[in-house]
Amino acid sequence: MSITTLSSKGQLVLPKSLRDAKHWRPGTRLLAIETADGVLLKAEAPSRATPTSVDDLVGLLKHAGPAIPEADWPARLDASLRAERPKK
């Protein structure tokens, strides 16, 4: 638990350890939701129209083993998506 102070402009600084734990970077939009106990801060769900940089995707997918050649990526992705789709 950390304590922060509201500034005269109504701003507050979230502790770095909290920002790091939540992966909140500068520019992250936060929803401020009033609750019975106080205020809940929640990251806004990213819009599908929001551009994503390659840096945001690094490390998203985990793979154990040797690197997969780039030419094989589409086939591997298709196979993975087919495996995850529910059977009709």
Protein backbone atom coordinates (compact mmCIF):
# COMPACT_ATOMS: atom_id res chain seq x y z
CA MET A 1 0.00 0.00 0.00
CA SER A 2 1.25 3.47 -0.89
CA ILE A 3 0.09 6.95 0.00
CA THR A 4 -0.08 9.79 -2.52
CA THR A 5 -1.27 13.39 -2.17
CA LEU A 6 -3.75 15.29 -4.31
CA SER A 7 -2.19 18.48 -5.71
CA SER A 8 -3.81 21.92 -5.73
CA LYS A 9 -4.64 21.25 -9.41
CA GLY A 10 -6.46 18.02 -8.53
CA GLN A 11 -3.65 15.81 -9.81
CA LEU A 12 -2.09 12.84 -8.12
CA VAL A 13 0.94 10.71 -8.84
CA LEU A 14 0.53 6.95 -8.81
CA PRO A 15 3.58 5.24 -7.31
CA LYS A 16 5.97 3.77 -9.89
CA SER A 17 5.69 0.30 -8.39
CA LEU A 18 1.91 0.36 -8.97
CA ARG A 19 2.24 1.74 -12.52
CA ASP A 20 4.82 -0.93 -13.33
CA ALA A 21 2.71 -3.73 -11.83
CA LYS A 22 -0.30 -2.66 -13.93
CA HIS A 23 1.82 -1.90 -17.05
CA TRP A 24 0.38 1.62 -17.12
CA ARG A 25 2.54 3.89 -19.29
CA PRO A 26 2.27 7.64 -19.80
CA GLY A 27 -0.89 8.33 -21.77
CA THR A 28 -2.80 5.35 -20.33
CA ARG A 29 -6.43 6.37 -19.99
CA LEU A 30 -7.91 5.48 -16.60
CA LEU A 31 -11.56 5.21 -15.68
CA ALA A 32 -12.33 6.72 -12.26
CA ILE A 33 -15.26 4.79 -10.83
CA GLU A 34 -16.94 5.94 -7.62
CA THR A 35 -17.57 3.07 -5.19
CA ALA A 36 -18.99 2.86 -1.67
CA ASP A 37 -15.41 2.54 -0.35
CA GLY A 38 -13.80 5.29 -2.42
CA VAL A 39 -12.62 5.46 -6.03
CA LEU A 40 -11.57 2.59 -8.27
CA LEU A 41 -9.06 3.34 -11.04
CA LYS A 42 -9.28 0.99 -13.99
CA ALA A 43 -7.45 1.13 -17.31
CA GLU A 44 -9.80 1.88 -20.16
CA ALA A 45 -10.15 -1.03 -22.57
CA PRO A 46 -8.16 -0.22 -25.69
CA SER A 47 -10.22 0.62 -28.73
CA ARG A 48 -9.78 -1.63 -31.75
CA ALA A 49 -9.28 1.58 -33.71
CA THR A 50 -6.36 2.58 -31.47
CA PRO A 51 -3.07 2.00 -33.28
CA THR A 52 -0.79 -0.46 -31.53
CA SER A 53 2.95 -0.24 -31.87
CA VAL A 54 5.18 -3.27 -32.29
CA ASP A 55 6.75 -2.40 -28.92
CA ASP A 56 3.35 -2.98 -27.27
CA LEU A 57 3.26 -6.51 -28.69
CA VAL A 58 6.78 -7.65 -27.79
CA GLY A 59 6.61 -10.54 -25.34
CA LEU A 60 2.85 -10.98 -25.75
CA LEU A 61 3.14 -14.46 -27.21
CA LYS A 62 5.26 -17.05 -25.46
CA HIS A 63 7.08 -19.76 -27.38
CA ALA A 64 9.36 -22.42 -25.98
CA GLY A 65 11.88 -23.87 -28.37
CA PRO A 66 13.75 -22.65 -31.40
CA ALA A 67 12.68 -19.56 -33.29
CA ILE A 68 9.98 -20.09 -35.90
CA PRO A 69 11.00 -18.87 -39.37
CA GLU A 70 9.02 -15.81 -40.41
CA ALA A 71 7.75 -17.59 -43.53
CA ASP A 72 6.01 -20.17 -41.27
CA TRP A 73 4.17 -17.58 -39.13
CA PRO A 74 0.91 -17.41 -41.19
CA ALA A 75 0.44 -21.20 -41.23
CA ARG A 76 1.23 -21.49 -37.52
CA LEU A 77 -1.18 -18.68 -36.68
CA ASP A 78 -3.96 -20.22 -38.80
CA ALA A 79 -3.46 -23.60 -37.09
CA SER A 80 -3.52 -21.97 -33.67
CA LEU A 81 -6.72 -20.07 -34.43
CA ARG A 82 -8.43 -23.21 -35.78
CA ALA A 83 -7.48 -25.09 -32.60
CA GLU A 84 -9.00 -22.37 -30.38
CA ARG A 85 -12.32 -22.06 -32.25
CA PRO A 86 -15.23 -23.89 -30.64
CA LYS A 87 -16.53 -26.82 -32.65
CA LYS A 88 -19.96 -26.25 -34.24
